[in-house]
């Protein structure tokens, strides 16, 4: 079965903007800094040269040092659709860095 949230293309655009295309044809771009902070394991991503090393691994985006992201969250960011669990919103991309509820 085709996973609609599988990422099939990634491009680094200007600065910390990423273009993503999913296996269901949905695509779009977002500014990484609008959703994520450079803390902990994400600290290396603050360096543009390291950030530019993004690739696709197992249907999601990844960087060296085993940095990767849940494709469902990235899909939510691109489509602006909320993520629900047990009928409650757990991720609202309209809230940027405060998206996790």
N, C-alpha and C. Protein backbone atom coordinates (compact mmCIF):
# COMPACT_ATOMS: atom_id res chain seq x y z
N UNK A 1 0.84 -1.19 0.00
CA UNK A 1 0.00 0.00 0.00
C UNK A 1 0.88 1.25 0.00
N UNK A 2 0.49 2.24 -0.73
CA UNK A 2 1.24 3.49 -0.85
C UNK A 2 0.96 4.37 0.37
N UNK A 3 2.00 4.74 1.09
CA UNK A 3 1.87 5.64 2.24
C UNK A 3 1.82 7.07 1.73
N UNK A 4 0.69 7.78 1.90
CA UNK A 4 0.58 9.13 1.35
C UNK A 4 1.53 10.13 2.02
N UNK A 5 2.06 9.78 3.18
CA UNK A 5 2.94 10.70 3.90
C UNK A 5 4.41 10.40 3.64
N UNK A 6 4.70 9.54 2.71
CA UNK A 6 6.08 9.21 2.37
C UNK A 6 6.66 10.34 1.52
N UNK A 7 7.80 10.87 1.94
CA UNK A 7 8.44 11.94 1.19
C UNK A 7 9.25 11.33 0.05
N UNK A 8 9.05 11.88 -1.15
CA UNK A 8 9.76 11.35 -2.31
C UNK A 8 10.72 12.38 -2.91
N UNK A 9 10.63 13.64 -2.44
CA UNK A 9 11.54 14.67 -2.94
C UNK A 9 11.74 15.73 -1.88
N UNK A 10 12.99 16.18 -1.73
CA UNK A 10 13.30 17.29 -0.83
C UNK A 10 14.30 18.20 -1.53
N UNK A 11 14.10 19.50 -1.37
CA UNK A 11 15.04 20.49 -1.91
C UNK A 11 15.23 21.56 -0.85
N UNK A 12 16.46 21.99 -0.68
CA UNK A 12 16.73 23.14 0.18
C UNK A 12 16.56 24.37 -0.69
N UNK A 13 15.70 25.25 -0.25
CA UNK A 13 15.50 26.52 -0.93
C UNK A 13 16.35 27.57 -0.21
N UNK A 14 16.09 28.81 -0.42
CA UNK A 14 16.86 29.87 0.22
C UNK A 14 16.78 29.75 1.75
N UNK A 15 17.92 29.97 2.40
CA UNK A 15 18.02 29.94 3.85
C UNK A 15 17.57 28.59 4.40
N UNK A 16 16.67 28.59 5.33
CA UNK A 16 16.25 27.34 5.99
C UNK A 16 14.87 26.89 5.49
N UNK A 17 14.59 27.16 4.23
CA UNK A 17 13.33 26.74 3.64
C UNK A 17 13.52 25.40 2.94
N UNK A 18 12.55 24.52 3.13
CA UNK A 18 12.58 23.21 2.50
C UNK A 18 11.34 23.02 1.63
N UNK A 19 11.55 22.44 0.47
CA UNK A 19 10.45 22.01 -0.40
C UNK A 19 10.33 20.50 -0.23
N UNK A 20 9.11 20.04 0.01
CA UNK A 20 8.86 18.61 0.16
C UNK A 20 7.77 18.17 -0.81
N UNK A 21 7.96 16.98 -1.37
CA UNK A 21 6.92 16.37 -2.20
C UNK A 21 6.63 14.99 -1.62
N UNK A 22 5.36 14.68 -1.48
CA UNK A 22 4.92 13.42 -0.90
C UNK A 22 4.43 12.46 -1.99
N UNK A 23 4.36 11.19 -1.65
CA UNK A 23 4.01 10.16 -2.62
C UNK A 23 2.59 10.30 -3.15
N UNK A 24 1.73 11.04 -2.47
CA UNK A 24 0.37 11.24 -2.97
C UNK A 24 0.27 12.48 -3.86
N UNK A 25 1.42 13.12 -4.15
CA UNK A 25 1.43 14.28 -5.03
C UNK A 25 1.37 15.62 -4.32
N UNK A 26 1.01 15.63 -3.04
CA UNK A 26 1.00 16.89 -2.28
C UNK A 26 2.42 17.40 -2.15
N UNK A 27 2.58 18.72 -2.22
CA UNK A 27 3.91 19.30 -2.09
C UNK A 27 3.79 20.73 -1.58
N UNK A 28 4.90 21.25 -1.12
CA UNK A 28 4.94 22.61 -0.65
C UNK A 28 6.24 22.88 0.06
N UNK A 29 6.37 24.11 0.53
CA UNK A 29 7.60 24.48 1.22
C UNK A 29 7.27 25.12 2.56
N UNK A 30 8.25 25.12 3.44
CA UNK A 30 8.09 25.75 4.75
C UNK A 30 9.46 26.17 5.26
N UNK A 31 9.44 27.13 6.17
CA UNK A 31 10.66 27.57 6.81
C UNK A 31 10.88 26.74 8.05
N UNK A 32 11.98 26.02 8.09
CA UNK A 32 12.31 25.12 9.20
C UNK A 32 12.27 25.87 10.54
N UNK A 33 12.78 27.09 10.55
CA UNK A 33 12.88 27.86 11.79
C UNK A 33 11.52 28.29 12.33
N UNK A 34 10.48 28.23 11.51
CA UNK A 34 9.14 28.56 11.99
C UNK A 34 8.57 27.46 12.89
N UNK A 35 9.15 26.25 12.82
CA UNK A 35 8.60 25.12 13.55
C UNK A 35 9.57 24.46 14.54
N UNK A 36 10.86 24.62 14.30
CA UNK A 36 11.84 23.89 15.11
C UNK A 36 12.92 24.82 15.63
N UNK A 37 13.41 24.52 16.83
CA UNK A 37 14.50 25.28 17.45
C UNK A 37 15.78 24.47 17.37
N UNK A 38 16.89 25.16 17.37
CA UNK A 38 18.20 24.50 17.26
C UNK A 38 18.71 24.13 18.65
N UNK A 39 18.02 23.20 19.26
CA UNK A 39 18.41 22.73 20.60
C UNK A 39 18.66 21.23 20.55
N UNK A 40 19.50 20.76 21.46
CA UNK A 40 19.76 19.34 21.56
C UNK A 40 20.27 18.75 20.26
N UNK A 41 19.65 17.67 19.84
CA UNK A 41 20.09 16.96 18.63
C UNK A 41 19.96 17.83 17.38
N UNK A 42 19.10 18.86 17.41
CA UNK A 42 18.89 19.72 16.24
C UNK A 42 19.90 20.85 16.13
N UNK A 43 20.75 21.03 17.12
CA UNK A 43 21.71 22.13 17.13
C UNK A 43 22.57 22.19 15.85
N UNK A 44 23.08 21.05 15.33
CA UNK A 44 23.90 21.12 14.10
C UNK A 44 23.16 21.72 12.90
N UNK A 45 21.83 21.66 12.90
CA UNK A 45 21.05 22.18 11.78
C UNK A 45 21.11 23.71 11.68
N UNK A 46 21.61 24.36 12.71
CA UNK A 46 21.75 25.82 12.65
C UNK A 46 22.81 26.24 11.63
N UNK A 47 23.74 25.34 11.33
CA UNK A 47 24.77 25.60 10.32
C UNK A 47 24.19 25.31 8.94
N UNK A 48 24.17 26.32 8.08
CA UNK A 48 23.55 26.16 6.75
C UNK A 48 24.20 25.04 5.95
N UNK A 49 25.52 24.87 6.04
CA UNK A 49 26.18 23.80 5.29
C UNK A 49 25.71 22.43 5.74
N UNK A 50 25.53 22.26 7.04
CA UNK A 50 25.01 20.99 7.56
C UNK A 50 23.55 20.83 7.14
N UNK A 51 22.77 21.90 7.26
CA UNK A 51 21.37 21.86 6.88
C UNK A 51 21.20 21.42 5.43
N UNK A 52 22.10 21.89 4.57
CA UNK A 52 22.03 21.56 3.14
C UNK A 52 22.27 20.09 2.84
N UNK A 53 22.71 19.32 3.83
CA UNK A 53 22.97 17.89 3.64
C UNK A 53 21.72 17.03 3.79
N UNK A 54 20.56 17.65 3.84
CA UNK A 54 19.32 16.90 3.98
C UNK A 54 19.18 15.89 2.84
N UNK A 55 18.60 14.74 3.16
CA UNK A 55 18.35 13.70 2.18
C UNK A 55 17.06 12.99 2.55
N UNK A 56 16.67 12.03 1.74
CA UNK A 56 15.49 11.22 2.04
C UNK A 56 15.97 9.86 2.53
N UNK A 57 15.41 9.43 3.65
CA UNK A 57 15.72 8.11 4.21
C UNK A 57 14.43 7.52 4.76
N UNK A 58 14.10 6.34 4.31
CA UNK A 58 12.90 5.65 4.81
C UNK A 58 11.63 6.50 4.72
N UNK A 59 11.50 7.29 3.65
CA UNK A 59 10.28 8.05 3.42
C UNK A 59 10.17 9.35 4.18
N UNK A 60 11.25 9.78 4.80
CA UNK A 60 11.24 11.07 5.48
C UNK A 60 12.55 11.80 5.22
N UNK A 61 12.66 13.02 5.72
CA UNK A 61 13.91 13.76 5.56
C UNK A 61 14.86 13.41 6.71
N UNK A 62 16.14 13.42 6.39
CA UNK A 62 17.14 13.06 7.39
C UNK A 62 18.44 13.79 7.11
N UNK A 63 19.23 13.91 8.16
CA UNK A 63 20.57 14.50 8.09
C UNK A 63 21.55 13.54 8.73
N UNK A 64 22.85 13.76 8.51
CA UNK A 64 23.84 12.96 9.23
C UNK A 64 23.60 13.05 10.74
N UNK A 65 24.19 12.16 11.49
CA UNK A 65 24.01 12.09 12.95
C UNK A 65 22.63 11.57 13.34
N UNK A 66 21.96 10.88 12.41
CA UNK A 66 20.67 10.26 12.65
C UNK A 66 19.57 11.24 13.04
N UNK A 67 19.61 12.43 12.46
CA UNK A 67 18.55 13.42 12.66
C UNK A 67 17.49 13.17 11.60
N UNK A 68 16.27 12.90 12.03
CA UNK A 68 15.17 12.75 11.09
C UNK A 68 13.87 13.21 11.74
N UNK A 69 12.83 13.28 10.95
CA UNK A 69 11.56 13.80 11.43
C UNK A 69 10.43 12.87 11.03
N UNK A 70 9.38 12.87 11.82
CA UNK A 70 8.18 12.10 11.52
C UNK A 70 7.55 12.67 10.25
N UNK A 71 7.35 11.84 9.24
CA UNK A 71 6.76 12.36 8.00
C UNK A 71 5.33 12.87 8.20
N UNK A 72 4.61 12.33 9.19
CA UNK A 72 3.24 12.81 9.44
C UNK A 72 3.24 14.27 9.88
N UNK A 73 4.22 14.64 10.70
CA UNK A 73 4.33 16.03 11.15
C UNK A 73 4.67 16.93 9.97
N UNK A 74 5.61 16.50 9.15
CA UNK A 74 5.98 17.30 7.98
C UNK A 74 4.81 17.44 7.01
N UNK A 75 4.04 16.38 6.84
CA UNK A 75 2.85 16.42 5.99
C UNK A 75 1.85 17.44 6.55
N UNK A 76 1.68 17.42 7.86
CA UNK A 76 0.78 18.37 8.51
C UNK A 76 1.23 19.80 8.27
N UNK A 77 2.53 20.04 8.37
CA UNK A 77 3.06 21.39 8.14
C UNK A 77 2.78 21.84 6.71
N UNK A 78 3.04 20.96 5.76
CA UNK A 78 2.85 21.31 4.34
C UNK A 78 1.37 21.51 4.00
N UNK A 79 0.51 20.63 4.48
CA UNK A 79 -0.91 20.69 4.13
C UNK A 79 -1.72 21.60 5.05
N UNK A 80 -1.08 22.01 6.16
CA UNK A 80 -1.75 22.84 7.18
C UNK A 80 -2.91 22.11 7.85
N UNK A 81 -2.83 20.77 7.86
CA UNK A 81 -3.85 19.95 8.51
C UNK A 81 -3.41 19.61 9.93
N UNK A 82 -4.34 19.68 10.85
CA UNK A 82 -4.04 19.32 12.24
C UNK A 82 -3.89 17.81 12.37
N UNK A 83 -3.13 17.38 13.38
CA UNK A 83 -3.00 15.96 13.69
C UNK A 83 -3.83 15.69 14.94
N UNK A 84 -4.64 14.66 14.87
CA UNK A 84 -5.51 14.28 15.99
C UNK A 84 -5.09 12.94 16.57
N UNK A 85 -5.30 12.79 17.87
CA UNK A 85 -5.12 11.50 18.56
C UNK A 85 -6.25 11.42 19.58
N UNK A 86 -7.00 10.33 19.54
CA UNK A 86 -8.16 10.16 20.43
C UNK A 86 -9.09 11.37 20.36
N UNK A 87 -9.36 11.82 19.15
CA UNK A 87 -10.26 12.95 18.88
C UNK A 87 -9.80 14.28 19.48
N UNK A 88 -8.55 14.39 19.85
CA UNK A 88 -7.99 15.63 20.36
C UNK A 88 -6.88 16.09 19.44
N UNK A 89 -6.80 17.39 19.22
CA UNK A 89 -5.72 17.95 18.41
C UNK A 89 -4.42 17.82 19.21
N UNK A 90 -3.41 17.19 18.60
CA UNK A 90 -2.10 17.08 19.25
C UNK A 90 -1.03 17.90 18.53
N UNK A 91 -1.31 18.28 17.29
CA UNK A 91 -0.38 19.11 16.52
C UNK A 91 -1.18 20.03 15.62
N UNK A 92 -0.96 21.32 15.78
CA UNK A 92 -1.65 22.32 14.97
C UNK A 92 -0.60 23.19 14.28
N UNK A 93 -0.35 22.95 12.99
CA UNK A 93 0.72 23.67 12.29
C UNK A 93 0.51 25.17 12.21
N UNK A 94 -0.69 25.65 12.43
CA UNK A 94 -0.92 27.09 12.40
C UNK A 94 -0.25 27.80 13.57
N UNK A 95 0.21 27.04 14.56
CA UNK A 95 0.82 27.62 15.76
C UNK A 95 2.36 27.64 15.72
N UNK A 96 2.95 27.25 14.60
CA UNK A 96 4.40 27.30 14.44
C UNK A 96 5.13 26.49 15.51
N UNK A 97 6.08 27.11 16.19
CA UNK A 97 6.88 26.39 17.20
C UNK A 97 6.04 25.91 18.38
N UNK A 98 4.84 26.43 18.53
CA UNK A 98 3.95 25.99 19.60
C UNK A 98 2.92 24.98 19.11
N UNK A 99 3.21 24.32 18.00
CA UNK A 99 2.24 23.43 17.35
C UNK A 99 1.88 22.21 18.18
N UNK A 100 2.83 21.72 18.99
CA UNK A 100 2.54 20.54 19.82
C UNK A 100 1.66 20.95 20.98
N UNK A 101 0.49 20.35 21.08
CA UNK A 101 -0.47 20.72 22.14
C UNK A 101 -0.51 19.67 23.23
